[in-house]
Amino acid sequence: MERRTLRTLKELSHSYLTLSKDLRRVMNRLNALYQSWGIACSGTQAYAPRHRSEWLSQITEAGVRCRAEFTYQQLDGLQALRRGVRRDLLAESRKHGATQLLRQIPGIGPIRAALLVALLQTPHRFRTKRQLWAYSGLAIETHGSGEYRYVDVQLRRSAKAVALRGLNKNHNHDLNRSSRARRLGPAVPPGPCTSFMKVCWPRG
């Protein structure tokens, strides 16, 4: 029964994530269009409706300006769709008690809680917590060479330390992005854990 009720939440989360990716692609396309004409485009002002006429006036070529207008229309359509899916996703997530438990964790809001429930479904899928870490992209990969060596014609284990190779790459990327945003996002309150993760993340 629980698996059937999670189906709607799972499909809504996939729709929300897909629209978010499409929205980022359109915004990058607009950014690249302005930069191709030597127009510095940083921040989010270029995407705001009230500043569009100001940005479009900087493009002197009529064909390129028309292309930018079409891209803005695509951006508006995707934003409206994502707002609708977000509203349905939040409404559906309120039917699941797990989202309320996850929201008690600092840094997890209503959207991330809904995505975590939809992507993980249930923790009982995983036999141990290590499998959950690997699925989330938080498992540490190690590599060792020369683990054994011959000493006086006897095979003995080498004292060489196992080398760390960072986190595993075969994971659920949507879940990893959600957890990574929770650890490093601007909405996370400052603390020792957040500062430690910000220092360690660039080093892998």
N, C-alpha and C. Protein backbone atom coordinates (compact mmCIF):
# COMPACT_ATOMS: atom_id res chain seq x y z
N MET A 1 0.83 -1.20 0.00
CA MET A 1 0.00 0.00 0.00
C MET A 1 0.87 1.25 0.00
N GLU A 2 1.93 1.25 0.81
CA GLU A 2 2.82 2.40 0.89
C GLU A 2 3.52 2.65 -0.43
N ARG A 3 3.89 1.56 -1.12
CA ARG A 3 4.57 1.71 -2.39
C ARG A 3 3.65 2.34 -3.44
N ARG A 4 2.34 1.97 -3.40
CA ARG A 4 1.39 2.54 -4.35
C ARG A 4 1.15 4.02 -4.05
N THR A 5 1.09 4.41 -2.80
CA THR A 5 0.85 5.81 -2.46
C THR A 5 2.06 6.67 -2.77
N LEU A 6 3.25 6.11 -2.76
CA LEU A 6 4.44 6.87 -3.08
C LEU A 6 4.60 7.10 -4.58
N ARG A 7 3.84 6.39 -5.39
CA ARG A 7 4.00 6.50 -6.84
C ARG A 7 3.73 7.93 -7.33
N THR A 8 2.66 8.54 -6.82
CA THR A 8 2.33 9.91 -7.24
C THR A 8 3.43 10.88 -6.82
N LEU A 9 3.93 10.74 -5.60
CA LEU A 9 5.00 11.61 -5.13
C LEU A 9 6.26 11.42 -5.96
N LYS A 10 6.54 10.19 -6.32
CA LYS A 10 7.74 9.90 -7.11
C LYS A 10 7.64 10.54 -8.49
N GLU A 11 6.48 10.42 -9.15
CA GLU A 11 6.32 10.99 -10.48
C GLU A 11 6.37 12.52 -10.43
N LEU A 12 5.77 13.10 -9.40
CA LEU A 12 5.83 14.56 -9.26
C LEU A 12 7.25 15.04 -9.02
N SER A 13 8.01 14.28 -8.24
CA SER A 13 9.41 14.67 -7.99
C SER A 13 10.24 14.58 -9.27
N HIS A 14 10.00 13.55 -10.08
CA HIS A 14 10.71 13.45 -11.36
C HIS A 14 10.35 14.62 -12.27
N SER A 15 9.08 15.00 -12.28
CA SER A 15 8.66 16.15 -13.09
C SER A 15 9.32 17.43 -12.61
N TYR A 16 9.38 17.61 -11.30
CA TYR A 16 9.99 18.81 -10.74
C TYR A 16 11.49 18.88 -11.06
N LEU A 17 12.18 17.75 -10.90
CA LEU A 17 13.62 17.73 -11.19
C LEU A 17 13.89 17.94 -12.67
N THR A 18 13.06 17.35 -13.54
CA THR A 18 13.24 17.52 -14.98
C THR A 18 13.01 18.97 -15.40
N LEU A 19 11.97 19.59 -14.87
CA LEU A 19 11.71 20.99 -15.19
C LEU A 19 12.81 21.90 -14.66
N SER A 20 13.36 21.57 -13.50
CA SER A 20 14.46 22.36 -12.95
C SER A 20 15.69 22.28 -13.85
N LYS A 21 15.97 21.09 -14.36
CA LYS A 21 17.12 20.94 -15.28
C LYS A 21 16.87 21.70 -16.58
N ASP A 22 15.65 21.59 -17.12
CA ASP A 22 15.34 22.33 -18.34
C ASP A 22 15.42 23.83 -18.13
N LEU A 23 15.00 24.28 -16.96
CA LEU A 23 15.07 25.71 -16.65
C LEU A 23 16.51 26.19 -16.58
N ARG A 24 17.38 25.39 -15.99
CA ARG A 24 18.80 25.77 -15.94
C ARG A 24 19.41 25.81 -17.33
N ARG A 25 19.00 24.88 -18.20
CA ARG A 25 19.53 24.87 -19.57
C ARG A 25 19.11 26.14 -20.32
N VAL A 26 17.85 26.55 -20.18
CA VAL A 26 17.38 27.75 -20.87
C VAL A 26 18.09 28.99 -20.33
N MET A 27 18.30 29.05 -19.02
CA MET A 27 19.01 30.19 -18.44
C MET A 27 20.46 30.22 -18.93
N ASN A 28 21.09 29.07 -19.03
CA ASN A 28 22.46 29.02 -19.56
C ASN A 28 22.49 29.42 -21.03
N ARG A 29 21.43 29.07 -21.77
CA ARG A 29 21.35 29.44 -23.17
C ARG A 29 21.24 30.97 -23.33
N LEU A 30 20.44 31.58 -22.47
CA LEU A 30 20.35 33.04 -22.50
C LEU A 30 21.67 33.69 -22.12
N ASN A 31 22.30 33.14 -21.11
CA ASN A 31 23.60 33.67 -20.67
C ASN A 31 24.61 33.59 -21.81
N ALA A 32 24.65 32.46 -22.50
CA ALA A 32 25.59 32.29 -23.60
C ALA A 32 25.27 33.24 -24.75
N LEU A 33 23.98 33.51 -24.98
CA LEU A 33 23.60 34.41 -26.07
C LEU A 33 24.11 35.83 -25.80
N TYR A 34 23.93 36.29 -24.56
CA TYR A 34 24.43 37.63 -24.24
C TYR A 34 25.95 37.70 -24.28
N GLN A 35 26.60 36.67 -23.77
CA GLN A 35 28.06 36.68 -23.75
C GLN A 35 28.64 36.60 -25.16
N SER A 36 27.93 35.94 -26.08
CA SER A 36 28.42 35.86 -27.47
C SER A 36 28.44 37.23 -28.14
N TRP A 37 27.66 38.15 -27.60
CA TRP A 37 27.65 39.52 -28.12
C TRP A 37 28.45 40.48 -27.24
N GLY A 38 29.26 39.94 -26.38
CA GLY A 38 30.12 40.75 -25.53
C GLY A 38 29.39 41.48 -24.43
N ILE A 39 28.22 40.97 -24.04
CA ILE A 39 27.43 41.60 -22.99
C ILE A 39 27.63 40.79 -21.71
N ALA A 40 28.20 41.41 -20.70
CA ALA A 40 28.44 40.71 -19.44
C ALA A 40 27.09 40.37 -18.79
N CYS A 41 26.91 39.10 -18.50
CA CYS A 41 25.63 38.63 -17.94
C CYS A 41 25.92 37.81 -16.71
N SER A 42 25.85 38.45 -15.56
CA SER A 42 26.08 37.76 -14.30
C SER A 42 24.92 38.04 -13.36
N GLY A 43 24.68 37.11 -12.45
CA GLY A 43 23.57 37.26 -11.54
C GLY A 43 22.26 36.82 -12.18
N THR A 44 21.16 37.27 -11.60
CA THR A 44 19.84 36.86 -12.07
C THR A 44 19.02 38.01 -12.63
N GLN A 45 19.63 39.18 -12.76
CA GLN A 45 18.88 40.34 -13.22
C GLN A 45 18.42 40.18 -14.67
N ALA A 46 19.21 39.49 -15.48
CA ALA A 46 18.86 39.33 -16.89
C ALA A 46 17.63 38.47 -17.10
N TYR A 47 17.27 37.65 -16.12
CA TYR A 47 16.12 36.76 -16.26
C TYR A 47 14.83 37.37 -15.70
N ALA A 48 14.94 38.47 -14.95
CA ALA A 48 13.76 39.08 -14.33
C ALA A 48 12.92 39.77 -15.40
N PRO A 49 11.60 39.62 -15.36
CA PRO A 49 10.75 40.24 -16.39
C PRO A 49 10.85 41.76 -16.44
N ARG A 50 11.05 42.43 -15.31
CA ARG A 50 11.05 43.90 -15.31
C ARG A 50 12.31 44.49 -15.92
N HIS A 51 13.38 43.67 -16.07
CA HIS A 51 14.63 44.17 -16.63
C HIS A 51 14.88 43.65 -18.04
N ARG A 52 13.95 42.93 -18.61
CA ARG A 52 14.21 42.28 -19.91
C ARG A 52 14.35 43.29 -21.04
N SER A 53 13.49 44.29 -21.05
CA SER A 53 13.57 45.28 -22.13
C SER A 53 14.92 46.00 -22.11
N GLU A 54 15.44 46.22 -20.92
CA GLU A 54 16.75 46.86 -20.80
C GLU A 54 17.85 45.97 -21.37
N TRP A 55 17.76 44.67 -21.09
CA TRP A 55 18.77 43.75 -21.60
C TRP A 55 18.61 43.52 -23.10
N LEU A 56 17.38 43.42 -23.57
CA LEU A 56 17.16 43.20 -25.00
C LEU A 56 17.60 44.40 -25.83
N SER A 57 17.52 45.59 -25.27
CA SER A 57 17.93 46.78 -26.03
C SER A 57 19.43 46.80 -26.29
N GLN A 58 20.20 46.02 -25.56
CA GLN A 58 21.64 45.98 -25.79
C GLN A 58 22.01 45.14 -27.00
N ILE A 59 21.06 44.34 -27.50
CA ILE A 59 21.30 43.52 -28.70
C ILE A 59 20.84 44.33 -29.91
N THR A 60 21.77 44.67 -30.77
CA THR A 60 21.46 45.52 -31.93
C THR A 60 20.93 44.72 -33.10
N GLU A 61 21.29 43.48 -33.23
CA GLU A 61 20.84 42.65 -34.34
C GLU A 61 19.40 42.19 -34.10
N ALA A 62 18.52 42.44 -35.09
CA ALA A 62 17.09 42.14 -34.92
C ALA A 62 16.85 40.64 -34.81
N GLY A 63 17.56 39.84 -35.60
CA GLY A 63 17.35 38.39 -35.56
C GLY A 63 17.77 37.79 -34.23
N VAL A 64 18.88 38.26 -33.69
CA VAL A 64 19.35 37.74 -32.40
C VAL A 64 18.41 38.19 -31.29
N ARG A 65 17.91 39.43 -31.38
CA ARG A 65 16.96 39.90 -30.37
C ARG A 65 15.66 39.10 -30.41
N CYS A 66 15.23 38.73 -31.61
CA CYS A 66 14.03 37.89 -31.73
C CYS A 66 14.27 36.51 -31.12
N ARG A 67 15.47 35.99 -31.33
CA ARG A 67 15.82 34.69 -30.73
C ARG A 67 15.82 34.77 -29.21
N ALA A 68 16.33 35.87 -28.67
CA ALA A 68 16.33 36.06 -27.22
C ALA A 68 14.91 36.17 -26.68
N GLU A 69 14.02 36.83 -27.41
CA GLU A 69 12.62 36.94 -26.98
C GLU A 69 11.95 35.58 -26.94
N PHE A 70 12.21 34.74 -27.94
CA PHE A 70 11.66 33.38 -27.94
C PHE A 70 12.20 32.57 -26.75
N THR A 71 13.47 32.77 -26.44
CA THR A 71 14.05 32.06 -25.30
C THR A 71 13.43 32.53 -23.99
N TYR A 72 13.13 33.82 -23.90
CA TYR A 72 12.44 34.33 -22.71
C TYR A 72 11.04 33.73 -22.58
N GLN A 73 10.35 33.56 -23.70
CA GLN A 73 9.03 32.93 -23.65
C GLN A 73 9.13 31.49 -23.16
N GLN A 74 10.15 30.80 -23.63
CA GLN A 74 10.38 29.43 -23.14
C GLN A 74 10.68 29.42 -21.65
N LEU A 75 11.46 30.40 -21.20
CA LEU A 75 11.77 30.51 -19.77
C LEU A 75 10.51 30.76 -18.95
N ASP A 76 9.64 31.63 -19.42
CA ASP A 76 8.40 31.92 -18.70
C ASP A 76 7.51 30.69 -18.62
N GLY A 77 7.42 29.94 -19.71
CA GLY A 77 6.60 28.74 -19.71
C GLY A 77 7.11 27.69 -18.74
N LEU A 78 8.43 27.50 -18.70
CA LEU A 78 9.01 26.53 -17.78
C LEU A 78 8.84 26.96 -16.33
N GLN A 79 8.98 28.24 -16.07
CA GLN A 79 8.80 28.72 -14.70
C GLN A 79 7.37 28.53 -14.22
N ALA A 80 6.40 28.78 -15.10
CA ALA A 80 5.01 28.57 -14.73
C ALA A 80 4.72 27.09 -14.49
N LEU A 81 5.28 26.23 -15.34
CA LEU A 81 5.08 24.79 -15.15
C LEU A 81 5.70 24.31 -13.85
N ARG A 82 6.90 24.79 -13.55
CA ARG A 82 7.56 24.34 -12.34
C ARG A 82 6.83 24.82 -11.08
N ARG A 83 6.27 26.02 -11.13
CA ARG A 83 5.48 26.49 -9.99
C ARG A 83 4.27 25.60 -9.75
N GLY A 84 3.61 25.17 -10.83
CA GLY A 84 2.47 24.29 -10.68
C GLY A 84 2.86 22.93 -10.14
N VAL A 85 3.95 22.36 -10.66
CA VAL A 85 4.42 21.06 -10.17
C VAL A 85 4.89 21.17 -8.73
N ARG A 86 5.53 22.28 -8.39
CA ARG A 86 5.99 22.47 -7.01
C ARG A 86 4.80 22.51 -6.05
N ARG A 87 3.74 23.18 -6.45
CA ARG A 87 2.55 23.24 -5.60
C ARG A 87 1.94 21.84 -5.40
N ASP A 88 1.85 21.07 -6.49
CA ASP A 88 1.31 19.71 -6.37
C ASP A 88 2.24 18.80 -5.57
N LEU A 89 3.55 18.99 -5.73
CA LEU A 89 4.52 18.18 -5.00
C LEU A 89 4.42 18.42 -3.50
N LEU A 90 4.30 19.67 -3.11
CA LEU A 90 4.18 19.98 -1.68
C LEU A 90 2.87 19.46 -1.11
N ALA A 91 1.79 19.57 -1.89
CA ALA A 91 0.50 19.07 -1.42
C ALA A 91 0.53 17.56 -1.25
N GLU A 92 1.18 16.86 -2.17
CA GLU A 92 1.26 15.40 -2.07
C GLU A 92 2.19 14.97 -0.94
N SER A 93 3.26 15.74 -0.70
CA SER A 93 4.22 15.35 0.34
C SER A 93 3.61 15.46 1.74
N ARG A 94 2.61 16.30 1.92
CA ARG A 94 1.98 16.43 3.23
C ARG A 94 1.21 15.18 3.63
N LYS A 95 0.94 14.29 2.69
CA LYS A 95 0.24 13.05 3.01
C LYS A 95 1.16 12.01 3.63
N HIS A 96 2.46 12.28 3.64
CA HIS A 96 3.43 11.31 4.13
C HIS A 96 4.08 11.86 5.40
N GLY A 97 4.00 11.08 6.45
CA GLY A 97 4.56 11.51 7.73
C GLY A 97 6.07 11.61 7.73
N ALA A 98 6.74 10.91 6.81
CA ALA A 98 8.20 10.94 6.79
C ALA A 98 8.74 12.32 6.45
N THR A 99 7.98 13.09 5.66
CA THR A 99 8.45 14.43 5.32
C THR A 99 8.51 15.34 6.55
N GLN A 100 7.58 15.17 7.46
CA GLN A 100 7.60 15.97 8.69
C GLN A 100 8.80 15.60 9.56
N LEU A 101 9.16 14.33 9.57
CA LEU A 101 10.34 13.91 10.34
C LEU A 101 11.62 14.47 9.72
N LEU A 102 11.70 14.44 8.39
CA LEU A 102 12.90 14.94 7.73
C LEU A 102 13.06 16.45 7.88
N ARG A 103 11.96 17.16 7.97
CA ARG A 103 12.03 18.61 8.10
C ARG A 103 12.55 19.04 9.46
N GLN A 104 12.62 18.12 10.42
CA GLN A 104 13.20 18.45 11.71
C GLN A 104 14.72 18.54 11.64
N ILE A 105 15.32 18.03 10.55
CA ILE A 105 16.77 18.10 10.37
C ILE A 105 17.12 19.50 9.86
N PRO A 106 18.08 20.19 10.46
CA PRO A 106 18.46 21.53 9.99
C PRO A 106 18.94 21.49 8.54
N GLY A 107 18.43 22.40 7.74
CA GLY A 107 18.84 22.49 6.35
C GLY A 107 17.93 21.78 5.38
N ILE A 108 16.95 21.03 5.87
CA ILE A 108 16.02 20.32 4.98
C ILE A 108 14.68 21.04 5.04
N GLY A 109 14.29 21.58 3.91
CA GLY A 109 13.02 22.27 3.80
C GLY A 109 11.95 21.37 3.22
N PRO A 110 10.80 21.92 2.87
CA PRO A 110 9.70 21.09 2.36
C PRO A 110 10.01 20.42 1.02
N ILE A 111 10.72 21.13 0.13
CA ILE A 111 11.02 20.55 -1.19
C ILE A 111 12.02 19.42 -1.06
N ARG A 112 13.10 19.64 -0.31
CA ARG A 112 14.11 18.59 -0.17
C ARG A 112 13.56 17.39 0.58
N ALA A 113 12.70 17.62 1.56
CA ALA A 113 12.09 16.50 2.27
C ALA A 113 11.22 15.68 1.32
N ALA A 114 10.45 16.35 0.47
CA ALA A 114 9.62 15.63 -0.50
C ALA A 114 10.47 14.85 -1.48
N LEU A 115 11.56 15.45 -1.95
CA LEU A 115 12.44 14.75 -2.91
C LEU A 115 13.12 13.56 -2.26
N LEU A 116 13.55 13.70 -1.02
CA LEU A 116 14.21 12.59 -0.32
C LEU A 116 13.25 11.42 -0.14
N VAL A 117 12.01 11.69 0.23
CA VAL A 117 11.03 10.61 0.41
C VAL A 117 10.74 9.95 -0.92
N ALA A 118 10.63 10.75 -1.99
CA ALA A 118 10.32 10.18 -3.31
C ALA A 118 11.48 9.36 -3.86
N LEU A 119 12.71 9.82 -3.65
CA LEU A 119 13.86 9.13 -4.22
C LEU A 119 14.27 7.91 -3.40
N LEU A 120 14.22 8.04 -2.07
CA LEU A 120 14.59 6.91 -1.21
C LEU A 120 13.44 5.93 -1.02
N GLN A 121 12.22 6.42 -1.04
CA GLN A 121 11.00 5.63 -0.84
C GLN A 121 10.92 5.08 0.58
N THR A 122 11.83 4.18 0.94
CA THR A 122 11.85 3.62 2.29
C THR A 122 13.27 3.19 2.62
N PRO A 123 13.74 3.42 3.84
CA PRO A 123 15.10 2.99 4.19
C PRO A 123 15.24 1.48 4.27
N HIS A 124 14.11 0.75 4.33
CA HIS A 124 14.18 -0.70 4.41
C HIS A 124 14.59 -1.33 3.08
N ARG A 125 14.73 -0.53 2.04
CA ARG A 125 15.26 -1.04 0.77
C ARG A 125 16.70 -1.49 0.92
N PHE A 126 17.42 -0.90 1.87
CA PHE A 126 18.85 -1.14 2.01
C PHE A 126 19.11 -2.04 3.21
N ARG A 127 19.94 -3.02 2.98
CA ARG A 127 20.23 -3.99 4.04
C ARG A 127 21.02 -3.35 5.17
N THR A 128 21.99 -2.50 4.84
CA THR A 128 22.79 -1.81 5.85
C THR A 128 22.88 -0.33 5.49
N LYS A 129 23.38 0.45 6.43
CA LYS A 129 23.52 1.88 6.18
C LYS A 129 24.60 2.17 5.14
N ARG A 130 25.55 1.28 4.98
CA ARG A 130 26.59 1.48 3.98
C ARG A 130 26.02 1.46 2.57
N GLN A 131 25.02 0.62 2.34
CA GLN A 131 24.38 0.61 1.03
C GLN A 131 23.62 1.91 0.77
N LEU A 132 23.04 2.46 1.81
CA LEU A 132 22.37 3.76 1.67
C LEU A 132 23.37 4.86 1.36
N TRP A 133 24.53 4.81 2.00
CA TRP A 133 25.57 5.81 1.72
C TRP A 133 26.02 5.70 0.25
N ALA A 134 26.23 4.48 -0.21
CA ALA A 134 26.67 4.29 -1.59
C ALA A 134 25.61 4.77 -2.58
N TYR A 135 24.35 4.51 -2.29
CA TYR A 135 23.26 4.95 -3.16
C TYR A 135 23.17 6.47 -3.20
N SER A 136 23.52 7.11 -2.10
CA SER A 136 23.47 8.58 -2.02
C SER A 136 24.75 9.24 -2.51
N GLY A 137 25.77 8.46 -2.85
CA GLY A 137 27.04 9.03 -3.28
C GLY A 137 27.91 9.50 -2.16
N LEU A 138 27.75 8.92 -0.97
CA LEU A 138 28.53 9.33 0.20
C LEU A 138 29.48 8.24 0.67
N ALA A 139 29.63 7.18 -0.11
CA ALA A 139 30.55 6.10 0.27
C ALA A 139 31.97 6.45 -0.17
N ILE A 140 32.92 6.14 0.67
CA ILE A 140 34.33 6.45 0.39
C ILE A 140 34.94 5.31 -0.42
N GLU A 141 35.56 5.67 -1.53
CA GLU A 141 36.25 4.69 -2.37
C GLU A 141 37.72 4.62 -1.95
N THR A 142 38.22 3.41 -1.86
CA THR A 142 39.62 3.20 -1.50
C THR A 142 40.31 2.40 -2.59
N HIS A 143 41.60 2.51 -2.64
CA HIS A 143 42.40 1.77 -3.62
C HIS A 143 43.70 1.34 -2.96
N GLY A 144 44.02 0.08 -3.13
CA GLY A 144 45.26 -0.43 -2.56
C GLY A 144 46.02 -1.28 -3.57
N SER A 145 47.32 -1.12 -3.61
CA SER A 145 48.19 -1.94 -4.46
C SER A 145 49.33 -2.46 -3.60
N GLY A 146 49.74 -3.65 -3.87
CA GLY A 146 50.79 -4.25 -3.05
C GLY A 146 50.31 -4.56 -1.66
N GLU A 147 49.10 -5.13 -1.56
CA GLU A 147 48.55 -5.42 -0.24
C GLU A 147 49.35 -6.51 0.48
N TYR A 148 49.92 -7.42 -0.31
CA TYR A 148 50.74 -8.50 0.26
C TYR A 148 52.12 -8.45 -0.39
N ARG A 149 53.13 -8.88 0.37
CA ARG A 149 54.49 -8.97 -0.17
C ARG A 149 55.21 -10.12 0.53
N TYR A 150 56.23 -10.58 -0.15
CA TYR A 150 57.00 -11.71 0.38
C TYR A 150 58.11 -11.20 1.29
N VAL A 151 58.17 -11.76 2.47
CA VAL A 151 59.22 -11.46 3.44
C VAL A 151 59.79 -12.79 3.92
N ASP A 152 61.06 -13.03 3.60
CA ASP A 152 61.71 -14.29 3.96
C ASP A 152 60.90 -15.49 3.44
N VAL A 153 60.56 -15.42 2.17
CA VAL A 153 59.84 -16.49 1.46
C VAL A 153 58.46 -16.75 2.08
N GLN A 154 57.93 -15.78 2.80
CA GLN A 154 56.59 -15.91 3.38
C GLN A 154 55.74 -14.72 2.93
N LEU A 155 54.51 -15.03 2.59
CA LEU A 155 53.58 -14.00 2.14
C LEU A 155 52.98 -13.30 3.35
N ARG A 156 53.22 -12.01 3.46
CA ARG A 156 52.72 -11.24 4.60
C ARG A 156 52.00 -9.99 4.10
N ARG A 157 51.07 -9.53 4.93
CA ARG A 157 50.32 -8.32 4.59
C ARG A 157 51.22 -7.10 4.74
N SER A 158 51.18 -6.24 3.76
CA SER A 158 51.99 -5.04 3.79
C SER A 158 51.41 -4.02 4.75
N ALA A 159 52.29 -3.21 5.32
CA ALA A 159 51.85 -2.15 6.23
C ALA A 159 51.49 -0.87 5.50
N LYS A 160 51.50 -0.91 4.16
CA LYS A 160 51.18 0.27 3.37
C LYS A 160 49.72 0.67 3.57
N ALA A 161 49.48 1.95 3.81
CA ALA A 161 48.12 2.43 4.07
C ALA A 161 47.30 2.41 2.79
N VAL A 162 46.02 2.15 2.94
CA VAL A 162 45.11 2.15 1.80
C VAL A 162 44.85 3.59 1.38
N ALA A 163 44.95 3.86 0.08
CA ALA A 163 44.77 5.22 -0.43
C ALA A 163 43.29 5.51 -0.63
N LEU A 164 42.87 6.71 -0.23
CA LEU A 164 41.49 7.14 -0.42
C LEU A 164 41.33 7.77 -1.79
N ARG A 165 40.23 7.47 -2.45
CA ARG A 165 39.98 7.98 -3.80
C ARG A 165 38.70 8.82 -3.87
N GLY A 166 38.28 9.39 -2.75
CA GLY A 166 37.10 10.24 -2.75
C GLY A 166 35.82 9.45 -2.61
N LEU A 167 34.70 10.07 -3.03
CA LEU A 167 33.39 9.45 -2.91
C LEU A 167 33.06 8.66 -4.17
N ASN A 168 32.15 7.70 -4.02
CA ASN A 168 31.80 6.84 -5.15
C ASN A 168 31.02 7.63 -6.19
N LYS A 169 31.23 7.26 -7.46
CA LYS A 169 30.59 7.96 -8.58
C LYS A 169 29.36 7.22 -9.10
N ASN A 170 29.19 5.96 -8.75
CA ASN A 170 28.01 5.20 -9.19
C ASN A 170 26.92 5.34 -8.13
N HIS A 171 26.12 6.39 -8.27
CA HIS A 171 25.11 6.69 -7.27
C HIS A 171 23.91 7.34 -7.95
N ASN A 172 22.89 7.62 -7.19
CA ASN A 172 21.73 8.35 -7.67
C ASN A 172 22.07 9.83 -7.68
N HIS A 173 22.22 10.41 -8.85
CA HIS A 173 22.71 11.78 -8.94
C HIS A 173 21.69 12.80 -8.42
N ASP A 174 20.42 12.55 -8.62
CA ASP A 174 19.41 13.47 -8.08
C ASP A 174 19.43 13.49 -6.56
N LEU A 175 19.59 12.31 -5.97
CA LEU A 175 19.66 12.23 -4.51
C LEU A 175 20.93 12.88 -4.00
N ASN A 176 22.03 12.70 -4.72
CA ASN A 176 23.29 13.30 -4.31
C ASN A 176 23.23 14.82 -4.38
N ARG A 177 22.60 15.36 -5.43
CA ARG A 177 22.47 16.81 -5.53
C ARG A 177 21.61 17.37 -4.40
N SER A 178 20.57 16.63 -4.03
CA SER A 178 19.73 17.10 -2.93
C SER A 178 20.49 17.11 -1.62
N SER A 179 21.25 16.05 -1.36
CA SER A 179 22.02 16.00 -0.11
C SER A 179 23.17 16.99 -0.12
N ARG A 180 23.78 17.18 -1.31
CA ARG A 180 24.88 18.14 -1.40
C ARG A 180 24.37 19.55 -1.20
N ALA A 181 23.20 19.88 -1.76
CA ALA A 181 22.63 21.21 -1.54
C ALA A 181 22.27 21.41 -0.08
N ARG A 182 21.85 20.33 0.58
CA ARG A 182 21.53 20.45 2.00
C ARG A 182 22.79 20.74 2.81
N ARG A 183 23.94 20.14 2.40
CA ARG A 183 25.16 20.34 3.17
C ARG A 183 25.80 21.69 2.90
N LEU A 184 25.67 22.17 1.64
CA LEU A 184 26.41 23.37 1.26
C LEU A 184 25.53 24.51 0.81
N GLY A 185 24.23 24.35 0.82
CA GLY A 185 23.33 25.38 0.33
C GLY A 185 23.31 26.60 1.21
N PRO A 186 22.84 27.73 0.63
CA PRO A 186 22.82 28.97 1.41
C PRO A 186 21.80 28.95 2.53
N ALA A 187 20.80 28.05 2.45
CA ALA A 187 19.75 28.04 3.48
C ALA A 187 20.20 27.29 4.74
N VAL A 188 21.34 26.58 4.65
CA VAL A 188 21.81 25.82 5.80
C VAL A 188 22.38 26.77 6.84
N PRO A 189 21.94 26.68 8.08
CA PRO A 189 22.47 27.60 9.10
C PRO A 189 23.94 27.33 9.34
N PRO A 190 24.74 28.37 9.61
CA PRO A 190 26.17 28.18 9.83
C PRO A 190 26.43 27.37 11.09
N GLY A 191 27.48 26.58 11.03
CA GLY A 191 27.84 25.74 12.16
C GLY A 191 29.14 25.03 11.87
N PRO A 192 29.67 24.28 12.83
CA PRO A 192 30.95 23.59 12.61
C PRO A 192 30.89 22.57 11.49
N CYS A 193 29.76 21.88 11.35
CA CYS A 193 29.64 20.86 10.29
C CYS A 193 29.63 21.52 8.92
N THR A 194 28.90 22.62 8.78
CA THR A 194 28.83 23.32 7.50
C THR A 194 30.20 23.88 7.11
N SER A 195 30.91 24.46 8.05
CA SER A 195 32.23 25.01 7.76
C SER A 195 33.20 23.90 7.37
N PHE A 196 33.11 22.77 8.06
CA PHE A 196 34.01 21.65 7.75
C PHE A 196 33.74 21.11 6.35
N MET A 197 32.43 21.00 5.97
CA MET A 197 32.09 20.46 4.65
C MET A 197 32.53 21.42 3.55
N LYS A 198 32.42 22.72 3.76
CA LYS A 198 32.83 23.68 2.75
C LYS A 198 34.33 23.64 2.52
N VAL A 199 35.09 23.33 3.55
CA VAL A 199 36.55 23.23 3.40
C VAL A 199 36.93 21.92 2.70
N CYS A 200 36.23 20.84 3.06
CA CYS A 200 36.61 19.52 2.54
C CYS A 200 36.06 19.24 1.16
N TRP A 201 34.95 19.88 0.78
CA TRP A 201 34.31 19.53 -0.49
C TRP A 201 35.19 19.79 -1.71
N PRO A 202 35.89 20.94 -1.83
CA PRO A 202 36.75 21.13 -3.01
C PRO A 202 37.88 20.13 -3.11
N ARG A 203 38.29 19.55 -2.00
CA ARG A 203 39.39 18.59 -2.02
C ARG A 203 38.90 17.18 -2.32
N GLY A 204 37.57 17.01 -2.46
CA GLY A 204 37.04 15.68 -2.76
C GLY A 204 36.87 14.81 -1.55
